N, C-alpha and C. Protein backbone atom coordinates (compact mmCIF):
# COMPACT_ATOMS: atom_id res chain seq x y z
N UNK A 1 -17.35 10.65 6.96
CA UNK A 1 -17.80 9.97 5.76
C UNK A 1 -18.01 8.49 6.09
N UNK A 2 -19.06 7.90 5.56
CA UNK A 2 -19.35 6.49 5.79
C UNK A 2 -18.50 5.61 4.88
N UNK A 3 -18.35 4.34 5.28
CA UNK A 3 -17.55 3.38 4.52
C UNK A 3 -18.03 3.30 3.08
N UNK A 4 -19.34 3.29 2.88
CA UNK A 4 -19.88 3.16 1.53
C UNK A 4 -19.41 4.31 0.63
N UNK A 5 -19.24 5.50 1.23
CA UNK A 5 -18.74 6.64 0.45
C UNK A 5 -17.29 6.42 0.04
N UNK A 6 -16.49 5.86 0.96
CA UNK A 6 -15.10 5.56 0.62
C UNK A 6 -15.04 4.51 -0.49
N UNK A 7 -15.93 3.51 -0.40
CA UNK A 7 -15.95 2.46 -1.41
C UNK A 7 -16.31 3.06 -2.77
N UNK A 8 -17.33 3.91 -2.80
CA UNK A 8 -17.74 4.56 -4.05
C UNK A 8 -16.61 5.42 -4.62
N UNK A 9 -15.95 6.17 -3.74
CA UNK A 9 -14.83 7.01 -4.19
C UNK A 9 -13.68 6.15 -4.72
N UNK A 10 -13.42 5.03 -4.04
CA UNK A 10 -12.36 4.12 -4.49
C UNK A 10 -12.71 3.52 -5.85
N UNK A 11 -14.00 3.21 -6.07
CA UNK A 11 -14.43 2.70 -7.37
C UNK A 11 -14.11 3.69 -8.49
N UNK A 12 -14.12 4.98 -8.13
CA UNK A 12 -13.83 6.03 -9.11
C UNK A 12 -12.35 6.39 -9.17
N UNK A 13 -11.50 5.56 -8.53
CA UNK A 13 -10.06 5.75 -8.62
C UNK A 13 -9.45 6.69 -7.60
N UNK A 14 -10.19 7.07 -6.56
CA UNK A 14 -9.70 7.98 -5.53
C UNK A 14 -8.67 7.26 -4.64
N UNK A 15 -7.40 7.68 -4.74
CA UNK A 15 -6.32 7.02 -4.00
C UNK A 15 -6.46 7.21 -2.49
N UNK A 16 -6.99 8.34 -2.06
CA UNK A 16 -7.20 8.58 -0.63
C UNK A 16 -8.21 7.57 -0.08
N UNK A 17 -9.25 7.30 -0.86
CA UNK A 17 -10.25 6.31 -0.45
C UNK A 17 -9.64 4.91 -0.39
N UNK A 18 -8.80 4.57 -1.37
CA UNK A 18 -8.10 3.28 -1.34
C UNK A 18 -7.28 3.16 -0.06
N UNK A 19 -6.52 4.19 0.22
CA UNK A 19 -5.66 4.20 1.41
C UNK A 19 -6.49 4.04 2.67
N UNK A 20 -7.60 4.76 2.74
CA UNK A 20 -8.47 4.68 3.92
C UNK A 20 -8.98 3.24 4.09
N UNK A 21 -9.47 2.64 3.03
CA UNK A 21 -10.00 1.28 3.11
C UNK A 21 -8.91 0.29 3.52
N UNK A 22 -7.72 0.45 2.95
CA UNK A 22 -6.60 -0.42 3.30
C UNK A 22 -6.26 -0.28 4.78
N UNK A 23 -6.14 0.97 5.25
CA UNK A 23 -5.81 1.22 6.66
C UNK A 23 -6.92 0.71 7.58
N UNK A 24 -8.15 0.96 7.19
CA UNK A 24 -9.30 0.62 8.04
C UNK A 24 -9.48 -0.88 8.21
N UNK A 25 -9.22 -1.65 7.16
CA UNK A 25 -9.50 -3.09 7.19
C UNK A 25 -8.26 -3.97 7.26
N UNK A 26 -7.07 -3.38 7.15
CA UNK A 26 -5.83 -4.18 7.14
C UNK A 26 -5.74 -5.10 8.35
N UNK A 27 -5.86 -4.54 9.55
CA UNK A 27 -5.66 -5.35 10.76
C UNK A 27 -6.68 -6.48 10.87
N UNK A 28 -7.90 -6.23 10.44
CA UNK A 28 -8.92 -7.27 10.51
C UNK A 28 -8.59 -8.44 9.58
N UNK A 29 -8.23 -8.13 8.35
CA UNK A 29 -7.90 -9.19 7.39
C UNK A 29 -6.60 -9.88 7.80
N UNK A 30 -5.59 -9.09 8.17
CA UNK A 30 -4.31 -9.66 8.59
C UNK A 30 -4.49 -10.55 9.81
N UNK A 31 -5.23 -10.07 10.82
CA UNK A 31 -5.46 -10.84 12.04
C UNK A 31 -6.18 -12.15 11.76
N UNK A 32 -7.17 -12.08 10.89
CA UNK A 32 -7.91 -13.28 10.50
C UNK A 32 -6.97 -14.30 9.87
N UNK A 33 -6.13 -13.83 8.94
CA UNK A 33 -5.21 -14.75 8.25
C UNK A 33 -4.12 -15.26 9.18
N UNK A 34 -3.68 -14.42 10.11
CA UNK A 34 -2.64 -14.86 11.04
C UNK A 34 -3.15 -16.01 11.91
N UNK A 35 -4.42 -15.95 12.31
CA UNK A 35 -5.00 -17.06 13.08
C UNK A 35 -5.04 -18.33 12.24
N UNK A 36 -5.32 -18.19 10.96
CA UNK A 36 -5.42 -19.36 10.08
C UNK A 36 -4.06 -19.94 9.71
N UNK A 37 -3.09 -19.06 9.41
CA UNK A 37 -1.80 -19.54 8.89
C UNK A 37 -0.75 -19.72 9.97
N UNK A 38 -0.89 -18.95 11.05
CA UNK A 38 0.12 -18.91 12.13
C UNK A 38 1.51 -18.57 11.56
N UNK A 39 1.52 -17.75 10.50
CA UNK A 39 2.77 -17.37 9.85
C UNK A 39 2.64 -15.90 9.42
N UNK A 40 3.47 -15.04 9.99
CA UNK A 40 3.36 -13.60 9.72
C UNK A 40 3.60 -13.26 8.25
N UNK A 41 4.62 -13.86 7.66
CA UNK A 41 4.95 -13.57 6.27
C UNK A 41 3.83 -13.98 5.34
N UNK A 42 3.32 -15.21 5.51
CA UNK A 42 2.21 -15.66 4.68
C UNK A 42 0.99 -14.77 4.89
N UNK A 43 0.73 -14.39 6.13
CA UNK A 43 -0.43 -13.54 6.42
C UNK A 43 -0.29 -12.18 5.75
N UNK A 44 0.90 -11.59 5.79
CA UNK A 44 1.12 -10.31 5.12
C UNK A 44 0.92 -10.44 3.62
N UNK A 45 1.49 -11.50 3.04
CA UNK A 45 1.37 -11.70 1.59
C UNK A 45 -0.08 -11.94 1.18
N UNK A 46 -0.79 -12.74 1.95
CA UNK A 46 -2.20 -13.02 1.65
C UNK A 46 -3.02 -11.74 1.77
N UNK A 47 -2.72 -10.94 2.79
CA UNK A 47 -3.47 -9.70 3.00
C UNK A 47 -3.23 -8.72 1.86
N UNK A 48 -1.98 -8.57 1.44
CA UNK A 48 -1.67 -7.70 0.30
C UNK A 48 -2.39 -8.19 -0.95
N UNK A 49 -2.32 -9.49 -1.19
CA UNK A 49 -2.98 -10.07 -2.36
C UNK A 49 -4.50 -9.87 -2.28
N UNK A 50 -5.04 -9.98 -1.08
CA UNK A 50 -6.48 -9.78 -0.87
C UNK A 50 -6.88 -8.37 -1.28
N UNK A 51 -6.15 -7.37 -0.80
CA UNK A 51 -6.48 -5.99 -1.14
C UNK A 51 -6.26 -5.72 -2.63
N UNK A 52 -5.25 -6.33 -3.20
CA UNK A 52 -5.00 -6.17 -4.63
C UNK A 52 -6.20 -6.69 -5.43
N UNK A 53 -6.64 -7.90 -5.09
CA UNK A 53 -7.80 -8.48 -5.79
C UNK A 53 -9.06 -7.67 -5.52
N UNK A 54 -9.23 -7.24 -4.27
CA UNK A 54 -10.44 -6.47 -3.92
C UNK A 54 -10.48 -5.16 -4.70
N UNK A 55 -9.35 -4.46 -4.78
CA UNK A 55 -9.34 -3.19 -5.49
C UNK A 55 -9.54 -3.40 -6.99
N UNK A 56 -9.03 -4.51 -7.52
CA UNK A 56 -9.24 -4.81 -8.94
C UNK A 56 -10.71 -5.13 -9.23
N UNK A 57 -11.38 -5.75 -8.25
CA UNK A 57 -12.76 -6.21 -8.45
C UNK A 57 -13.77 -5.34 -7.69
N UNK A 58 -13.38 -4.15 -7.31
CA UNK A 58 -14.24 -3.29 -6.50
C UNK A 58 -15.59 -3.03 -7.15
N UNK A 59 -15.61 -2.98 -8.46
CA UNK A 59 -16.87 -2.73 -9.18
C UNK A 59 -17.88 -3.85 -8.95
N UNK A 60 -17.40 -5.05 -8.57
CA UNK A 60 -18.30 -6.18 -8.36
C UNK A 60 -18.81 -6.27 -6.92
N UNK A 61 -18.31 -5.41 -6.04
CA UNK A 61 -18.74 -5.45 -4.63
C UNK A 61 -20.22 -5.14 -4.53
N UNK A 62 -20.93 -5.98 -3.79
CA UNK A 62 -22.37 -5.81 -3.56
C UNK A 62 -22.57 -5.17 -2.18
N UNK A 63 -23.05 -3.92 -2.13
CA UNK A 63 -23.19 -3.22 -0.85
C UNK A 63 -24.23 -3.82 0.10
N UNK A 64 -24.95 -4.85 -0.35
CA UNK A 64 -25.87 -5.54 0.55
C UNK A 64 -25.11 -6.32 1.61
N UNK A 65 -23.85 -6.60 1.34
CA UNK A 65 -23.00 -7.34 2.27
C UNK A 65 -22.00 -6.39 2.92
N UNK A 66 -21.54 -6.76 4.11
CA UNK A 66 -20.52 -5.97 4.79
C UNK A 66 -19.22 -6.03 3.97
N UNK A 67 -18.53 -4.90 3.89
CA UNK A 67 -17.28 -4.84 3.13
C UNK A 67 -16.23 -5.77 3.73
N UNK A 68 -16.15 -5.81 5.07
CA UNK A 68 -15.15 -6.67 5.71
C UNK A 68 -15.45 -8.15 5.44
N UNK A 69 -16.72 -8.53 5.35
CA UNK A 69 -17.09 -9.91 5.03
C UNK A 69 -16.62 -10.26 3.62
N UNK A 70 -16.79 -9.32 2.70
CA UNK A 70 -16.34 -9.51 1.33
C UNK A 70 -14.83 -9.68 1.28
N UNK A 71 -14.11 -8.83 2.02
CA UNK A 71 -12.64 -8.93 2.06
C UNK A 71 -12.19 -10.27 2.64
N UNK A 72 -12.84 -10.72 3.72
CA UNK A 72 -12.47 -11.98 4.35
C UNK A 72 -12.72 -13.14 3.37
N UNK A 73 -13.81 -13.08 2.62
CA UNK A 73 -14.08 -14.13 1.62
C UNK A 73 -12.96 -14.17 0.57
N UNK A 74 -12.52 -13.00 0.14
CA UNK A 74 -11.41 -12.94 -0.82
C UNK A 74 -10.15 -13.52 -0.19
N UNK A 75 -9.88 -13.15 1.07
CA UNK A 75 -8.69 -13.64 1.78
C UNK A 75 -8.71 -15.16 1.89
N UNK A 76 -9.87 -15.72 2.20
CA UNK A 76 -9.98 -17.19 2.29
C UNK A 76 -9.61 -17.83 0.95
N UNK A 77 -10.11 -17.25 -0.14
CA UNK A 77 -9.80 -17.80 -1.47
C UNK A 77 -8.32 -17.67 -1.81
N UNK A 78 -7.72 -16.54 -1.47
CA UNK A 78 -6.29 -16.35 -1.71
C UNK A 78 -5.50 -17.40 -0.91
N UNK A 79 -5.92 -17.64 0.33
CA UNK A 79 -5.25 -18.61 1.19
C UNK A 79 -5.38 -20.02 0.60
N UNK A 80 -6.57 -20.36 0.14
CA UNK A 80 -6.79 -21.68 -0.48
C UNK A 80 -5.89 -21.84 -1.70
N UNK A 81 -5.82 -20.80 -2.53
CA UNK A 81 -4.94 -20.85 -3.71
C UNK A 81 -3.49 -21.06 -3.31
N UNK A 82 -3.05 -20.37 -2.25
CA UNK A 82 -1.68 -20.51 -1.75
C UNK A 82 -1.43 -21.94 -1.28
N UNK A 83 -2.39 -22.50 -0.55
CA UNK A 83 -2.24 -23.88 -0.07
C UNK A 83 -2.16 -24.86 -1.23
N UNK A 84 -3.01 -24.65 -2.23
CA UNK A 84 -2.98 -25.53 -3.41
C UNK A 84 -1.64 -25.46 -4.11
N UNK A 85 -1.13 -24.23 -4.26
CA UNK A 85 0.16 -24.04 -4.93
C UNK A 85 1.28 -24.75 -4.14
N UNK A 86 1.27 -24.57 -2.82
CA UNK A 86 2.30 -25.22 -1.99
C UNK A 86 2.17 -26.73 -2.05
N UNK A 87 0.93 -27.21 -1.99
CA UNK A 87 0.70 -28.65 -2.00
C UNK A 87 1.16 -29.27 -3.32
N UNK A 88 0.86 -28.60 -4.44
CA UNK A 88 1.27 -29.15 -5.73
C UNK A 88 2.78 -29.12 -5.90
N UNK A 89 3.43 -28.19 -5.21
CA UNK A 89 4.89 -28.11 -5.31
C UNK A 89 5.59 -29.19 -4.49
N UNK A 90 4.94 -29.65 -3.40
CA UNK A 90 5.63 -30.61 -2.54
C UNK A 90 4.98 -31.98 -2.53
N UNK A 91 3.88 -32.15 -3.24
CA UNK A 91 3.17 -33.42 -3.21
C UNK A 91 3.95 -34.50 -3.95
N UNK A 92 4.21 -35.57 -3.24
CA UNK A 92 4.89 -36.72 -3.85
C UNK A 92 4.08 -37.95 -3.47
N UNK A 93 3.66 -38.72 -4.45
CA UNK A 93 2.85 -39.90 -4.19
C UNK A 93 3.78 -41.12 -4.19
N UNK A 94 4.11 -41.58 -3.00
CA UNK A 94 4.99 -42.74 -2.86
C UNK A 94 4.15 -43.90 -2.37
N UNK A 95 4.11 -44.98 -3.16
CA UNK A 95 3.21 -46.07 -2.82
C UNK A 95 3.91 -47.29 -2.25
N UNK A 96 5.03 -47.68 -2.75
CA UNK A 96 5.64 -48.89 -2.21
C UNK A 96 6.97 -48.60 -1.52
N UNK A 97 7.44 -49.57 -0.80
CA UNK A 97 8.62 -49.41 0.05
C UNK A 97 9.87 -49.06 -0.76
N UNK A 98 10.06 -49.67 -1.93
CA UNK A 98 11.24 -49.37 -2.76
C UNK A 98 11.24 -47.90 -3.18
N UNK A 99 10.06 -47.39 -3.56
CA UNK A 99 9.97 -45.99 -3.96
C UNK A 99 10.33 -45.09 -2.79
N UNK A 100 9.88 -45.46 -1.59
CA UNK A 100 10.18 -44.65 -0.41
C UNK A 100 11.69 -44.63 -0.16
N UNK A 101 12.33 -45.80 -0.31
CA UNK A 101 13.77 -45.87 -0.11
C UNK A 101 14.49 -45.06 -1.18
N UNK A 102 14.03 -45.16 -2.41
CA UNK A 102 14.65 -44.41 -3.50
C UNK A 102 14.49 -42.91 -3.25
N UNK A 103 13.35 -42.51 -2.76
CA UNK A 103 13.12 -41.10 -2.46
C UNK A 103 14.07 -40.62 -1.37
N UNK A 104 14.31 -41.45 -0.37
CA UNK A 104 15.22 -41.08 0.73
C UNK A 104 16.65 -40.93 0.24
N UNK A 105 17.02 -41.72 -0.76
CA UNK A 105 18.39 -41.70 -1.27
C UNK A 105 18.56 -40.62 -2.34
N UNK A 106 17.50 -40.30 -3.06
CA UNK A 106 17.57 -39.39 -4.21
C UNK A 106 18.23 -38.06 -3.84
N UNK A 107 19.04 -37.58 -4.75
CA UNK A 107 19.72 -36.29 -4.57
C UNK A 107 18.73 -35.18 -4.88
N UNK A 108 18.40 -34.39 -3.89
CA UNK A 108 17.41 -33.34 -4.10
C UNK A 108 18.05 -32.02 -4.51
N UNK A 109 19.38 -31.98 -4.62
CA UNK A 109 20.02 -30.74 -5.03
C UNK A 109 19.74 -30.49 -6.51
N UNK A 110 19.62 -29.22 -6.90
CA UNK A 110 19.29 -28.92 -8.30
C UNK A 110 20.42 -29.33 -9.25
N UNK A 111 20.02 -29.81 -10.42
CA UNK A 111 21.00 -30.18 -11.43
C UNK A 111 21.56 -28.90 -12.06
N UNK A 112 22.59 -29.06 -12.87
CA UNK A 112 23.17 -27.91 -13.58
C UNK A 112 22.11 -27.26 -14.46
N UNK A 113 21.28 -28.09 -15.09
CA UNK A 113 20.21 -27.56 -15.94
C UNK A 113 19.20 -26.75 -15.12
N UNK A 114 18.83 -27.28 -13.95
CA UNK A 114 17.90 -26.57 -13.06
C UNK A 114 18.45 -25.22 -12.66
N UNK A 115 19.74 -25.19 -12.35
CA UNK A 115 20.36 -23.93 -11.94
C UNK A 115 20.37 -22.91 -13.08
N UNK A 116 20.63 -23.37 -14.30
CA UNK A 116 20.62 -22.46 -15.46
C UNK A 116 19.22 -21.89 -15.68
N UNK A 117 18.21 -22.76 -15.59
CA UNK A 117 16.83 -22.30 -15.77
C UNK A 117 16.48 -21.27 -14.70
N UNK A 118 16.84 -21.56 -13.47
CA UNK A 118 16.56 -20.63 -12.37
C UNK A 118 17.26 -19.30 -12.60
N UNK A 119 18.53 -19.35 -13.00
CA UNK A 119 19.27 -18.11 -13.26
C UNK A 119 18.65 -17.32 -14.41
N UNK A 120 18.22 -18.01 -15.48
CA UNK A 120 17.59 -17.33 -16.61
C UNK A 120 16.28 -16.67 -16.19
N UNK A 121 15.47 -17.40 -15.41
CA UNK A 121 14.20 -16.84 -14.95
C UNK A 121 14.43 -15.65 -14.03
N UNK A 122 15.42 -15.74 -13.15
CA UNK A 122 15.73 -14.64 -12.26
C UNK A 122 16.23 -13.44 -13.06
N UNK A 123 17.05 -13.68 -14.07
CA UNK A 123 17.56 -12.59 -14.91
C UNK A 123 16.40 -11.89 -15.63
N UNK A 124 15.45 -12.67 -16.15
CA UNK A 124 14.28 -12.08 -16.81
C UNK A 124 13.45 -11.27 -15.82
N UNK A 125 13.25 -11.83 -14.63
CA UNK A 125 12.48 -11.12 -13.61
C UNK A 125 13.16 -9.81 -13.23
N UNK A 126 14.47 -9.84 -13.05
CA UNK A 126 15.21 -8.63 -12.71
C UNK A 126 15.09 -7.60 -13.83
N UNK A 127 15.11 -8.07 -15.07
CA UNK A 127 14.94 -7.18 -16.23
C UNK A 127 13.56 -6.50 -16.16
N UNK A 128 12.53 -7.26 -15.85
CA UNK A 128 11.18 -6.70 -15.74
C UNK A 128 11.10 -5.72 -14.58
N UNK A 129 11.72 -6.05 -13.46
CA UNK A 129 11.70 -5.17 -12.29
C UNK A 129 12.34 -3.83 -12.63
N UNK A 130 13.40 -3.85 -13.46
CA UNK A 130 14.08 -2.61 -13.83
C UNK A 130 13.20 -1.69 -14.67
N UNK A 131 12.10 -2.22 -15.22
CA UNK A 131 11.17 -1.38 -15.97
C UNK A 131 10.25 -0.57 -15.05
N UNK A 132 10.22 -0.95 -13.78
CA UNK A 132 9.41 -0.20 -12.81
C UNK A 132 10.10 1.10 -12.42
N UNK A 133 9.33 2.04 -11.90
CA UNK A 133 9.92 3.27 -11.36
C UNK A 133 10.79 2.90 -10.17
N UNK A 134 11.85 3.69 -9.90
CA UNK A 134 12.80 3.33 -8.84
C UNK A 134 12.18 3.05 -7.47
N UNK A 135 11.15 3.83 -7.07
CA UNK A 135 10.59 3.59 -5.74
C UNK A 135 9.83 2.26 -5.68
N UNK A 136 9.32 1.78 -6.81
CA UNK A 136 8.68 0.47 -6.84
C UNK A 136 9.74 -0.63 -6.86
N UNK A 137 10.83 -0.39 -7.59
CA UNK A 137 11.94 -1.34 -7.60
C UNK A 137 12.44 -1.57 -6.18
N UNK A 138 12.55 -0.48 -5.44
CA UNK A 138 13.10 -0.54 -4.09
C UNK A 138 12.24 -1.40 -3.16
N UNK A 139 10.93 -1.20 -3.17
CA UNK A 139 10.09 -1.99 -2.26
C UNK A 139 10.07 -3.46 -2.66
N UNK A 140 10.09 -3.74 -3.97
CA UNK A 140 10.15 -5.15 -4.42
C UNK A 140 11.45 -5.77 -3.95
N UNK A 141 12.54 -5.05 -4.11
CA UNK A 141 13.85 -5.56 -3.72
C UNK A 141 13.92 -5.82 -2.21
N UNK A 142 13.42 -4.88 -1.43
CA UNK A 142 13.47 -5.03 0.03
C UNK A 142 12.59 -6.20 0.50
N UNK A 143 11.41 -6.32 -0.09
CA UNK A 143 10.46 -7.35 0.36
C UNK A 143 10.86 -8.74 -0.09
N UNK A 144 11.19 -8.89 -1.37
CA UNK A 144 11.36 -10.23 -1.92
C UNK A 144 12.80 -10.70 -2.04
N UNK A 145 13.75 -9.77 -2.09
CA UNK A 145 15.14 -10.19 -2.20
C UNK A 145 15.86 -10.09 -0.85
N UNK A 146 15.50 -9.07 -0.06
CA UNK A 146 16.07 -8.97 1.28
C UNK A 146 15.14 -9.56 2.34
N UNK A 147 13.93 -9.96 1.92
CA UNK A 147 12.95 -10.61 2.78
C UNK A 147 12.65 -9.82 4.05
N UNK A 148 12.52 -8.51 3.89
CA UNK A 148 12.19 -7.65 5.03
C UNK A 148 10.67 -7.66 5.25
N UNK A 149 10.26 -7.47 6.50
CA UNK A 149 8.83 -7.36 6.80
C UNK A 149 8.36 -5.97 6.36
N UNK A 150 7.05 -5.80 6.30
CA UNK A 150 6.50 -4.49 5.93
C UNK A 150 6.97 -3.42 6.93
N UNK A 151 6.99 -3.78 8.21
CA UNK A 151 7.41 -2.83 9.24
C UNK A 151 8.88 -2.44 9.04
N UNK A 152 9.73 -3.41 8.74
CA UNK A 152 11.15 -3.12 8.51
C UNK A 152 11.34 -2.22 7.29
N UNK A 153 10.55 -2.46 6.25
CA UNK A 153 10.63 -1.63 5.05
C UNK A 153 10.21 -0.20 5.39
N UNK A 154 9.12 -0.06 6.15
CA UNK A 154 8.63 1.26 6.55
C UNK A 154 9.71 2.02 7.33
N UNK A 155 10.38 1.33 8.23
CA UNK A 155 11.44 1.96 9.01
C UNK A 155 12.62 2.34 8.13
N UNK A 156 13.02 1.45 7.23
CA UNK A 156 14.14 1.73 6.35
C UNK A 156 13.86 2.92 5.44
N UNK A 157 12.64 2.96 4.88
CA UNK A 157 12.27 4.03 3.95
C UNK A 157 11.79 5.29 4.68
N UNK A 158 11.61 5.17 5.98
CA UNK A 158 11.08 6.27 6.80
C UNK A 158 9.74 6.76 6.24
N UNK A 159 8.86 5.79 5.98
CA UNK A 159 7.53 6.07 5.46
C UNK A 159 6.51 5.36 6.34
N UNK A 160 5.28 5.87 6.36
CA UNK A 160 4.23 5.18 7.12
C UNK A 160 4.00 3.77 6.56
N UNK A 161 3.63 2.86 7.44
CA UNK A 161 3.39 1.48 7.06
C UNK A 161 2.35 1.38 5.95
N UNK A 162 1.30 2.19 6.02
CA UNK A 162 0.25 2.13 4.99
C UNK A 162 0.80 2.51 3.62
N UNK A 163 1.73 3.46 3.55
CA UNK A 163 2.35 3.83 2.27
C UNK A 163 3.13 2.66 1.69
N UNK A 164 3.85 1.95 2.56
CA UNK A 164 4.64 0.81 2.10
C UNK A 164 3.72 -0.27 1.54
N UNK A 165 2.62 -0.53 2.24
CA UNK A 165 1.67 -1.55 1.79
C UNK A 165 1.11 -1.19 0.42
N UNK A 166 0.70 0.04 0.26
CA UNK A 166 0.12 0.48 -1.01
C UNK A 166 1.17 0.47 -2.11
N UNK A 167 2.38 0.92 -1.78
CA UNK A 167 3.45 0.95 -2.79
C UNK A 167 3.77 -0.46 -3.27
N UNK A 168 3.81 -1.42 -2.34
CA UNK A 168 4.09 -2.80 -2.71
C UNK A 168 2.94 -3.38 -3.52
N UNK A 169 1.73 -3.04 -3.15
CA UNK A 169 0.55 -3.48 -3.88
C UNK A 169 0.62 -2.99 -5.33
N UNK A 170 0.92 -1.73 -5.51
CA UNK A 170 1.02 -1.15 -6.86
C UNK A 170 2.19 -1.74 -7.63
N UNK A 171 3.32 -1.92 -6.93
CA UNK A 171 4.51 -2.46 -7.59
C UNK A 171 4.23 -3.86 -8.13
N UNK A 172 3.58 -4.69 -7.34
CA UNK A 172 3.26 -6.05 -7.78
C UNK A 172 2.31 -6.02 -8.97
N UNK A 173 1.33 -5.13 -8.91
CA UNK A 173 0.36 -5.04 -10.00
C UNK A 173 1.05 -4.57 -11.29
N UNK A 174 1.89 -3.54 -11.18
CA UNK A 174 2.60 -3.03 -12.36
C UNK A 174 3.56 -4.08 -12.92
N UNK A 175 4.25 -4.79 -12.03
CA UNK A 175 5.17 -5.84 -12.46
C UNK A 175 4.42 -6.94 -13.19
N UNK A 176 3.26 -7.31 -12.67
CA UNK A 176 2.44 -8.31 -13.32
C UNK A 176 2.04 -7.86 -14.73
N UNK A 177 1.67 -6.58 -14.87
CA UNK A 177 1.29 -6.05 -16.18
C UNK A 177 2.47 -6.06 -17.14
N UNK A 178 3.66 -5.71 -16.64
CA UNK A 178 4.86 -5.73 -17.48
C UNK A 178 5.13 -7.13 -17.99
N UNK A 179 5.05 -8.10 -17.09
CA UNK A 179 5.31 -9.50 -17.46
C UNK A 179 4.28 -9.98 -18.49
N UNK A 180 3.01 -9.63 -18.26
CA UNK A 180 1.94 -10.01 -19.22
C UNK A 180 2.20 -9.40 -20.60
N UNK A 181 2.63 -8.16 -20.62
CA UNK A 181 2.89 -7.47 -21.89
C UNK A 181 4.05 -8.09 -22.67
N UNK A 182 4.97 -8.75 -21.97
CA UNK A 182 6.12 -9.35 -22.63
C UNK A 182 5.83 -10.77 -23.11
N UNK A 183 4.67 -11.30 -22.76
CA UNK A 183 4.34 -12.68 -23.16
C UNK A 183 3.80 -12.72 -24.55
């Protein structure tokens, strides 16, 4: 079967076609991002996010272009978004010498209020995670709380790597929907 057939089947919700496309293009997208980020974890996260966005927007794919080119374009945008998010989180505009000295002295440890907010947000997130099916809870827990790599998760669960990638992709999407529904 040609790639275009898999794409068409995936557009119609065929999970086998999704799996094939993920397996077929994973290494290309991951390798591209690894060269850009030089960070395995970021590259894995960007690649998962890329496939998530691609599968959500599959209906907009134009077959005049190569599918891998389309995926790489999505990956570049996901990477740019990640860089913007990181930059906005750490950007500090220090202009004069006194401000620089104050910044060096400032206590960067979280205040009691910060810790309470973090705990409340984590408690809400854990509540949302518990709404997922147990196998989705497990991959979220292993990836984000135990910070295991995809390969480590596959070994722990004794499942193929592609299954772990797809399960995590679905878990993140379902979790996002749960959070949106509670807003």
